[in-house]
């Protein structure tokens, strides 16, 4: 399973989210059809751009609660002070991807940033 974790500023468009996903996939030589789901912090549950990107890819969107983000935070590769202040985790995209991918998940690498959106890819066991 491959999970695309998404972090963003408020009000991003689906096109911006998709651009970040595509950039992260390209960085790791992966195709969109390899993705199993998208994940983000539950505080982003109303972000229309993330919801629309998930729908356009026909993939489930997993909303990761604060405790799960915190539990995954020690395994993130990126440390953003702005993210830490805003969300309590040093990287929303990395922590969300790891949490959604399950126990033993590993990141493909540090998050990829495209404008106001970050995307991190995590590999997990098939469920």
N, C-alpha and C. Protein backbone atom coordinates (compact mmCIF):
# COMPACT_ATOMS: atom_id res chain seq x y z
N UNK A 1 0.84 -1.18 0.00
CA UNK A 1 0.00 0.00 0.00
C UNK A 1 0.89 1.24 0.00
N UNK A 2 0.46 2.25 -0.74
CA UNK A 2 1.14 3.55 -0.75
C UNK A 2 0.12 4.62 -0.40
N UNK A 3 0.45 5.40 0.60
CA UNK A 3 -0.42 6.49 1.06
C UNK A 3 0.24 7.82 0.73
N UNK A 4 -0.54 8.73 0.15
CA UNK A 4 -0.07 10.10 -0.07
C UNK A 4 -0.61 10.96 1.05
N UNK A 5 0.27 11.42 1.92
CA UNK A 5 -0.10 12.34 2.99
C UNK A 5 -0.06 13.76 2.48
N UNK A 6 -1.09 14.54 2.82
CA UNK A 6 -1.21 15.90 2.31
C UNK A 6 -1.22 16.89 3.47
N UNK A 7 -0.40 17.92 3.32
CA UNK A 7 -0.41 19.08 4.21
C UNK A 7 -0.60 20.30 3.33
N UNK A 8 -1.23 21.34 3.87
CA UNK A 8 -1.46 22.52 3.04
C UNK A 8 -1.81 23.73 3.88
N UNK A 9 -1.69 24.87 3.24
CA UNK A 9 -2.28 26.08 3.80
C UNK A 9 -3.77 26.01 3.51
N UNK A 10 -4.53 26.86 4.14
CA UNK A 10 -5.98 26.89 3.90
C UNK A 10 -6.30 27.37 2.49
N UNK A 11 -7.37 26.79 1.95
CA UNK A 11 -7.92 27.28 0.70
C UNK A 11 -7.21 26.85 -0.57
N UNK A 12 -6.41 25.81 -0.51
CA UNK A 12 -5.74 25.35 -1.72
C UNK A 12 -6.74 24.68 -2.66
N UNK A 13 -6.42 24.68 -3.94
CA UNK A 13 -7.30 24.08 -4.94
C UNK A 13 -6.95 22.61 -5.15
N UNK A 14 -7.87 21.89 -5.76
CA UNK A 14 -7.60 20.49 -6.11
C UNK A 14 -6.41 20.41 -7.06
N UNK A 15 -6.29 21.35 -7.99
CA UNK A 15 -5.16 21.34 -8.93
C UNK A 15 -3.83 21.47 -8.19
N UNK A 16 -3.79 22.30 -7.15
CA UNK A 16 -2.56 22.45 -6.36
C UNK A 16 -2.23 21.15 -5.62
N UNK A 17 -3.24 20.52 -5.07
CA UNK A 17 -3.03 19.25 -4.36
C UNK A 17 -2.53 18.19 -5.32
N UNK A 18 -3.17 18.09 -6.48
CA UNK A 18 -2.77 17.10 -7.48
C UNK A 18 -1.35 17.35 -7.98
N UNK A 19 -0.97 18.61 -8.13
CA UNK A 19 0.39 18.94 -8.56
C UNK A 19 1.42 18.46 -7.54
N UNK A 20 1.12 18.62 -6.26
CA UNK A 20 2.04 18.16 -5.22
C UNK A 20 2.12 16.63 -5.20
N UNK A 21 0.98 15.97 -5.36
CA UNK A 21 0.98 14.51 -5.41
C UNK A 21 1.80 14.03 -6.60
N UNK A 22 1.57 14.62 -7.76
CA UNK A 22 2.31 14.20 -8.96
C UNK A 22 3.81 14.45 -8.81
N UNK A 23 4.19 15.56 -8.19
CA UNK A 23 5.60 15.85 -7.98
C UNK A 23 6.24 14.82 -7.04
N UNK A 24 5.54 14.47 -5.97
CA UNK A 24 6.07 13.46 -5.04
C UNK A 24 6.20 12.10 -5.72
N UNK A 25 5.18 11.73 -6.48
CA UNK A 25 5.24 10.46 -7.20
C UNK A 25 6.39 10.44 -8.20
N UNK A 26 6.57 11.53 -8.95
CA UNK A 26 7.65 11.61 -9.93
C UNK A 26 9.01 11.52 -9.26
N UNK A 27 9.12 12.15 -8.10
CA UNK A 27 10.40 12.14 -7.37
C UNK A 27 10.82 10.71 -7.00
N UNK A 28 9.82 9.85 -6.81
CA UNK A 28 10.11 8.46 -6.42
C UNK A 28 9.80 7.47 -7.53
N UNK A 29 9.63 8.00 -8.76
CA UNK A 29 9.40 7.18 -9.95
C UNK A 29 8.21 6.23 -9.78
N UNK A 30 7.10 6.79 -9.28
CA UNK A 30 5.88 6.02 -9.07
C UNK A 30 4.74 6.63 -9.89
N UNK A 31 3.76 5.82 -10.24
CA UNK A 31 2.59 6.27 -10.99
C UNK A 31 1.42 6.48 -10.04
N UNK A 32 0.48 7.33 -10.45
CA UNK A 32 -0.73 7.58 -9.64
C UNK A 32 -1.49 6.30 -9.32
N UNK A 33 -1.52 5.36 -10.27
CA UNK A 33 -2.30 4.14 -10.05
C UNK A 33 -1.74 3.26 -8.93
N UNK A 34 -0.58 3.58 -8.41
CA UNK A 34 0.00 2.83 -7.29
C UNK A 34 -0.55 3.30 -5.94
N UNK A 35 -1.17 4.49 -5.91
CA UNK A 35 -1.67 5.03 -4.64
C UNK A 35 -2.89 4.25 -4.16
N UNK A 36 -2.94 4.04 -2.84
CA UNK A 36 -4.07 3.36 -2.21
C UNK A 36 -5.05 4.34 -1.60
N UNK A 37 -4.54 5.46 -1.10
CA UNK A 37 -5.39 6.44 -0.42
C UNK A 37 -4.63 7.73 -0.22
N UNK A 38 -5.39 8.78 0.12
CA UNK A 38 -4.82 10.05 0.56
C UNK A 38 -5.11 10.18 2.05
N UNK A 39 -4.26 10.91 2.74
CA UNK A 39 -4.46 11.12 4.18
C UNK A 39 -4.06 12.54 4.53
N UNK A 40 -4.77 13.09 5.50
CA UNK A 40 -4.44 14.41 6.01
C UNK A 40 -4.92 14.50 7.45
N UNK A 41 -4.56 15.58 8.11
CA UNK A 41 -4.98 15.80 9.49
C UNK A 41 -6.48 16.06 9.56
N UNK A 42 -7.10 15.57 10.60
CA UNK A 42 -8.56 15.77 10.76
C UNK A 42 -8.93 17.25 10.81
N UNK A 43 -8.00 18.12 11.20
CA UNK A 43 -8.29 19.55 11.22
C UNK A 43 -8.50 20.10 9.80
N UNK A 44 -8.17 19.31 8.78
CA UNK A 44 -8.34 19.73 7.39
C UNK A 44 -9.58 19.09 6.76
N UNK A 45 -10.49 18.60 7.58
CA UNK A 45 -11.66 17.86 7.09
C UNK A 45 -12.56 18.68 6.16
N UNK A 46 -12.47 20.00 6.23
CA UNK A 46 -13.31 20.86 5.40
C UNK A 46 -12.56 21.50 4.23
N UNK A 47 -11.34 21.06 3.99
CA UNK A 47 -10.55 21.63 2.89
C UNK A 47 -11.04 21.09 1.55
N UNK A 48 -11.77 21.92 0.83
CA UNK A 48 -12.41 21.50 -0.42
C UNK A 48 -11.41 21.00 -1.46
N UNK A 49 -10.23 21.61 -1.53
CA UNK A 49 -9.24 21.19 -2.53
C UNK A 49 -8.72 19.79 -2.28
N UNK A 50 -8.51 19.44 -1.02
CA UNK A 50 -8.05 18.09 -0.68
C UNK A 50 -9.15 17.07 -0.94
N UNK A 51 -10.38 17.42 -0.56
CA UNK A 51 -11.53 16.53 -0.79
C UNK A 51 -11.73 16.31 -2.29
N UNK A 52 -11.65 17.37 -3.07
CA UNK A 52 -11.86 17.27 -4.51
C UNK A 52 -10.75 16.47 -5.18
N UNK A 53 -9.51 16.65 -4.73
CA UNK A 53 -8.40 15.88 -5.30
C UNK A 53 -8.59 14.39 -5.06
N UNK A 54 -8.99 14.06 -3.85
CA UNK A 54 -9.25 12.66 -3.52
C UNK A 54 -10.36 12.09 -4.40
N UNK A 55 -11.43 12.84 -4.56
CA UNK A 55 -12.55 12.38 -5.38
C UNK A 55 -12.14 12.23 -6.84
N UNK A 56 -11.34 13.17 -7.35
CA UNK A 56 -10.94 13.11 -8.76
C UNK A 56 -10.03 11.91 -9.04
N UNK A 57 -9.33 11.46 -8.00
CA UNK A 57 -8.46 10.28 -8.15
C UNK A 57 -9.19 8.99 -7.79
N UNK A 58 -10.44 9.15 -7.34
CA UNK A 58 -11.24 7.99 -6.92
C UNK A 58 -10.53 7.19 -5.82
N UNK A 59 -9.97 7.93 -4.86
CA UNK A 59 -9.27 7.32 -3.73
C UNK A 59 -9.90 7.77 -2.43
N UNK A 60 -9.91 6.89 -1.44
CA UNK A 60 -10.43 7.32 -0.13
C UNK A 60 -9.51 8.37 0.49
N UNK A 61 -10.13 9.26 1.26
CA UNK A 61 -9.40 10.27 2.02
C UNK A 61 -9.52 9.90 3.49
N UNK A 62 -8.41 9.61 4.11
CA UNK A 62 -8.36 9.25 5.53
C UNK A 62 -8.04 10.51 6.33
N UNK A 63 -8.89 10.81 7.31
CA UNK A 63 -8.65 11.94 8.22
C UNK A 63 -8.00 11.39 9.48
N UNK A 64 -6.79 11.81 9.72
CA UNK A 64 -5.99 11.29 10.83
C UNK A 64 -6.18 12.19 12.05
N UNK A 65 -6.56 11.59 13.16
CA UNK A 65 -6.80 12.40 14.36
C UNK A 65 -5.49 12.87 14.99
N UNK A 66 -5.62 13.83 15.88
CA UNK A 66 -4.45 14.48 16.48
C UNK A 66 -3.53 13.49 17.21
N UNK A 67 -4.11 12.55 17.93
CA UNK A 67 -3.27 11.60 18.67
C UNK A 67 -2.45 10.73 17.72
N UNK A 68 -3.05 10.29 16.63
CA UNK A 68 -2.32 9.47 15.65
C UNK A 68 -1.21 10.29 14.98
N UNK A 69 -1.47 11.57 14.72
CA UNK A 69 -0.42 12.44 14.17
C UNK A 69 0.74 12.56 15.15
N UNK A 70 0.40 12.75 16.41
CA UNK A 70 1.44 12.88 17.43
C UNK A 70 2.26 11.59 17.55
N UNK A 71 1.57 10.45 17.50
CA UNK A 71 2.27 9.17 17.59
C UNK A 71 3.23 8.95 16.43
N UNK A 72 2.87 9.44 15.25
CA UNK A 72 3.73 9.28 14.07
C UNK A 72 4.82 10.33 13.97
N UNK A 73 4.68 11.42 14.67
CA UNK A 73 5.61 12.55 14.55
C UNK A 73 7.08 12.22 14.77
N UNK A 74 7.43 11.34 15.72
CA UNK A 74 8.85 11.04 15.90
C UNK A 74 9.51 10.41 14.66
N UNK A 75 8.70 9.83 13.77
CA UNK A 75 9.25 9.17 12.59
C UNK A 75 9.24 10.05 11.35
N UNK A 76 8.82 11.33 11.48
CA UNK A 76 8.85 12.22 10.32
C UNK A 76 10.29 12.61 10.02
N UNK A 77 10.55 12.94 8.76
CA UNK A 77 11.90 13.31 8.33
C UNK A 77 12.08 14.82 8.26
N UNK A 78 10.98 15.55 8.14
CA UNK A 78 11.02 17.00 7.99
C UNK A 78 10.57 17.65 9.30
N UNK A 79 11.22 18.74 9.64
CA UNK A 79 10.87 19.47 10.86
C UNK A 79 10.55 20.91 10.50
N UNK A 80 9.27 21.25 10.49
CA UNK A 80 8.84 22.61 10.19
C UNK A 80 8.27 23.24 11.46
N UNK A 81 8.86 24.33 11.88
CA UNK A 81 8.37 25.03 13.06
C UNK A 81 6.96 25.56 12.83
N UNK A 82 6.68 26.03 11.62
CA UNK A 82 5.34 26.54 11.30
C UNK A 82 4.31 25.42 11.41
N UNK A 83 4.64 24.25 10.91
CA UNK A 83 3.72 23.11 11.02
C UNK A 83 3.53 22.71 12.47
N UNK A 84 4.60 22.71 13.23
CA UNK A 84 4.53 22.34 14.64
C UNK A 84 3.60 23.27 15.41
N UNK A 85 3.71 24.56 15.15
CA UNK A 85 2.87 25.54 15.83
C UNK A 85 1.41 25.39 15.40
N UNK A 86 1.18 25.23 14.10
CA UNK A 86 -0.18 25.19 13.57
C UNK A 86 -0.91 23.88 13.85
N UNK A 87 -0.16 22.77 13.87
CA UNK A 87 -0.83 21.47 13.94
C UNK A 87 -0.34 20.54 15.04
N UNK A 88 0.76 20.90 15.69
CA UNK A 88 1.29 20.04 16.74
C UNK A 88 2.20 18.94 16.24
N UNK A 89 2.46 18.91 14.94
CA UNK A 89 3.37 17.92 14.37
C UNK A 89 4.36 18.64 13.46
N UNK A 90 5.60 18.15 13.38
CA UNK A 90 6.58 18.84 12.54
C UNK A 90 6.34 18.71 11.04
N UNK A 91 5.47 17.78 10.64
CA UNK A 91 5.12 17.62 9.23
C UNK A 91 3.78 16.92 9.12
N UNK A 92 2.73 17.65 8.80
CA UNK A 92 1.39 17.06 8.67
C UNK A 92 1.40 15.98 7.59
N UNK A 93 1.99 16.29 6.44
CA UNK A 93 1.94 15.33 5.34
C UNK A 93 2.65 14.03 5.70
N UNK A 94 3.81 14.12 6.30
CA UNK A 94 4.56 12.91 6.66
C UNK A 94 3.87 12.13 7.78
N UNK A 95 3.43 12.83 8.82
CA UNK A 95 2.77 12.15 9.93
C UNK A 95 1.45 11.51 9.49
N UNK A 96 0.69 12.20 8.66
CA UNK A 96 -0.59 11.65 8.18
C UNK A 96 -0.35 10.41 7.32
N UNK A 97 0.63 10.48 6.44
CA UNK A 97 0.94 9.33 5.59
C UNK A 97 1.35 8.12 6.43
N UNK A 98 2.23 8.35 7.38
CA UNK A 98 2.68 7.26 8.24
C UNK A 98 1.54 6.66 9.06
N UNK A 99 0.73 7.52 9.65
CA UNK A 99 -0.37 7.04 10.49
C UNK A 99 -1.37 6.24 9.67
N UNK A 100 -1.71 6.71 8.48
CA UNK A 100 -2.69 6.02 7.65
C UNK A 100 -2.15 4.71 7.08
N UNK A 101 -0.84 4.64 6.88
CA UNK A 101 -0.23 3.43 6.32
C UNK A 101 -0.09 2.32 7.36
N UNK A 102 -0.21 2.66 8.63
CA UNK A 102 -0.24 1.64 9.68
C UNK A 102 1.11 1.33 10.31
N UNK A 103 1.07 0.42 11.26
CA UNK A 103 2.28 0.03 11.98
C UNK A 103 3.35 -0.46 11.01
N UNK A 104 4.57 -0.05 11.26
CA UNK A 104 5.68 -0.47 10.42
C UNK A 104 5.81 0.31 9.13
N UNK A 105 4.98 1.34 8.93
CA UNK A 105 5.05 2.14 7.71
C UNK A 105 6.39 2.87 7.64
N UNK A 106 6.80 3.15 6.40
CA UNK A 106 8.04 3.90 6.21
C UNK A 106 7.83 4.94 5.11
N UNK A 107 8.48 6.07 5.27
CA UNK A 107 8.38 7.13 4.28
C UNK A 107 9.29 6.84 3.09
N UNK A 108 8.85 7.24 1.90
CA UNK A 108 9.68 7.11 0.70
C UNK A 108 10.84 8.09 0.78
N UNK A 109 10.65 9.17 1.50
CA UNK A 109 11.65 10.22 1.66
C UNK A 109 10.97 11.42 2.27
N UNK A 110 11.67 12.54 2.40
CA UNK A 110 11.05 13.74 2.94
C UNK A 110 9.90 14.21 2.05
N UNK A 111 9.01 14.99 2.64
CA UNK A 111 7.86 15.52 1.90
C UNK A 111 8.33 16.34 0.70
N UNK A 112 7.45 16.45 -0.27
CA UNK A 112 7.67 17.28 -1.44
C UNK A 112 6.75 18.49 -1.31
N UNK A 113 7.29 19.67 -1.50
CA UNK A 113 6.49 20.90 -1.41
C UNK A 113 6.32 21.50 -2.79
N UNK A 114 5.08 21.82 -3.12
CA UNK A 114 4.75 22.52 -4.35
C UNK A 114 3.81 23.65 -3.97
N UNK A 115 4.33 24.85 -3.96
CA UNK A 115 3.52 25.98 -3.54
C UNK A 115 3.06 25.82 -2.11
N UNK A 116 1.76 25.89 -1.90
CA UNK A 116 1.18 25.84 -0.55
C UNK A 116 0.79 24.43 -0.12
N UNK A 117 1.23 23.42 -0.87
CA UNK A 117 0.86 22.03 -0.56
C UNK A 117 2.12 21.18 -0.40
N UNK A 118 2.08 20.29 0.60
CA UNK A 118 3.14 19.29 0.73
C UNK A 118 2.54 17.91 0.58
N UNK A 119 3.34 17.00 0.05
CA UNK A 119 2.91 15.62 -0.11
C UNK A 119 4.04 14.71 0.32
N UNK A 120 3.72 13.73 1.14
CA UNK A 120 4.68 12.71 1.56
C UNK A 120 4.09 11.35 1.22
N UNK A 121 4.93 10.45 0.79
CA UNK A 121 4.48 9.10 0.45
C UNK A 121 4.98 8.12 1.50
N UNK A 122 4.08 7.26 1.95
CA UNK A 122 4.46 6.24 2.93
C UNK A 122 4.04 4.88 2.40
N UNK A 123 4.91 3.92 2.64
CA UNK A 123 4.65 2.54 2.26
C UNK A 123 4.20 1.76 3.48
N UNK A 124 3.14 0.98 3.33
CA UNK A 124 2.65 0.15 4.42
C UNK A 124 2.26 -1.21 3.89
N UNK A 125 1.97 -2.11 4.80
CA UNK A 125 1.52 -3.43 4.41
C UNK A 125 0.12 -3.35 3.82
N UNK A 126 -0.16 -4.22 2.87
CA UNK A 126 -1.51 -4.28 2.32
C UNK A 126 -2.45 -4.73 3.42
N UNK A 127 -3.63 -4.14 3.47
CA UNK A 127 -4.59 -4.49 4.51
C UNK A 127 -5.58 -5.49 4.01
